[in-house]
Amino acid sequence: MTETHPKQLLHLVIGGELEDIKDITFKDLNAVDIVGVYPNYAAAYAVWKQKAQMTVDNAEMRYFIVHLHKLLEPEHH
């Protein structure tokens, strides 16, 4: 019997304080919060939303979802 697994569409959640909220340049790369890698967008979004809500009082703090699967296999996207 063959076991099938859904294709992993890896997503990375990262965040940190930005130099300017109109750009995506972190103030301090050593302080970037690498939250984790998740198997799909839904899981990454849930964590992103939680982290974003925890830092809502800091206007310079931003969290992002990086679509790793698009970087790892660009020919498929």
Protein backbone atom coordinates (compact mmCIF):
# COMPACT_ATOMS: atom_id res chain seq x y z
CA MET A 1 0.00 0.00 0.00
CA THR A 2 1.37 3.40 -0.98
CA GLU A 3 0.96 6.23 1.47
CA THR A 4 0.39 9.63 -0.10
CA HIS A 5 1.43 12.88 1.53
CA PRO A 6 0.28 16.30 0.46
CA LYS A 7 3.00 18.33 -1.21
CA GLN A 8 4.76 20.58 1.25
CA LEU A 9 4.47 24.24 0.34
CA LEU A 10 6.98 25.56 2.85
CA HIS A 11 6.51 29.05 4.29
CA LEU A 12 8.83 30.99 6.61
CA VAL A 13 7.56 33.52 9.15
CA ILE A 14 10.03 36.26 10.13
CA GLY A 15 9.74 39.69 11.68
CA GLY A 16 11.56 42.61 13.13
CA GLU A 17 11.74 46.35 13.45
CA LEU A 18 12.01 48.22 10.17
CA GLU A 19 14.11 51.29 9.45
CA ASP A 20 11.13 52.81 7.61
CA ILE A 21 7.62 51.35 7.53
CA LYS A 22 7.41 52.12 3.81
CA ASP A 23 10.29 49.72 3.07
CA ILE A 24 11.41 46.21 4.03
CA THR A 25 14.81 46.99 5.55
CA PHE A 26 15.31 45.70 9.06
CA LYS A 27 16.97 47.98 11.63
CA ASP A 28 19.09 45.17 13.04
CA LEU A 29 19.50 41.85 11.20
CA ASN A 30 20.80 40.26 14.42
CA ALA A 31 17.46 41.02 16.06
CA VAL A 32 15.25 39.55 13.32
CA ASP A 33 12.76 37.11 14.81
CA ILE A 34 12.92 33.90 12.77
CA VAL A 35 9.65 32.42 13.97
CA GLY A 36 9.69 29.18 12.01
CA VAL A 37 8.99 27.18 8.87
CA TYR A 38 5.49 25.86 8.25
CA PRO A 39 4.15 23.21 5.84
CA ASN A 40 1.50 25.41 4.22
CA TYR A 41 0.21 28.96 4.01
CA ALA A 42 -2.66 28.43 6.44
CA ALA A 43 -0.33 27.32 9.23
CA ALA A 44 2.10 30.17 8.51
CA TYR A 45 -0.74 32.70 8.41
CA ALA A 46 -2.05 31.62 11.82
CA VAL A 47 1.38 32.14 13.39
CA TRP A 48 1.96 35.39 11.48
CA LYS A 49 -1.36 36.77 12.72
CA GLN A 50 -0.56 35.85 16.32
CA LYS A 51 2.91 37.48 16.17
CA ALA A 52 1.54 40.59 14.43
CA GLN A 53 -1.16 41.00 17.09
CA MET A 54 1.41 40.64 19.88
CA THR A 55 3.41 43.57 18.47
CA VAL A 56 0.55 45.83 17.38
CA ASP A 57 1.75 48.63 19.71
CA ASN A 58 5.10 48.93 17.89
CA ALA A 59 4.46 50.69 14.56
CA GLU A 60 7.94 49.78 13.26
CA MET A 61 7.59 46.05 13.95
CA ARG A 62 6.46 43.90 11.01
CA TYR A 63 6.10 40.18 10.41
CA PHE A 64 6.24 38.59 6.98
CA ILE A 65 5.38 35.28 5.36
CA VAL A 66 8.04 34.17 2.87
CA HIS A 67 6.91 31.61 0.30
CA LEU A 68 9.93 29.30 0.49
CA HIS A 69 8.40 26.79 -1.91
CA LYS A 70 8.50 29.45 -4.66
CA LEU A 71 12.20 30.04 -4.00
CA LEU A 72 13.05 26.34 -3.83
CA GLU A 73 11.16 25.39 -6.99
CA PRO A 74 10.70 28.55 -9.06
CA GLU A 75 9.93 26.60 -12.25
CA HIS A 76 6.68 25.33 -10.66
CA HIS A 77 5.28 28.79 -9.86
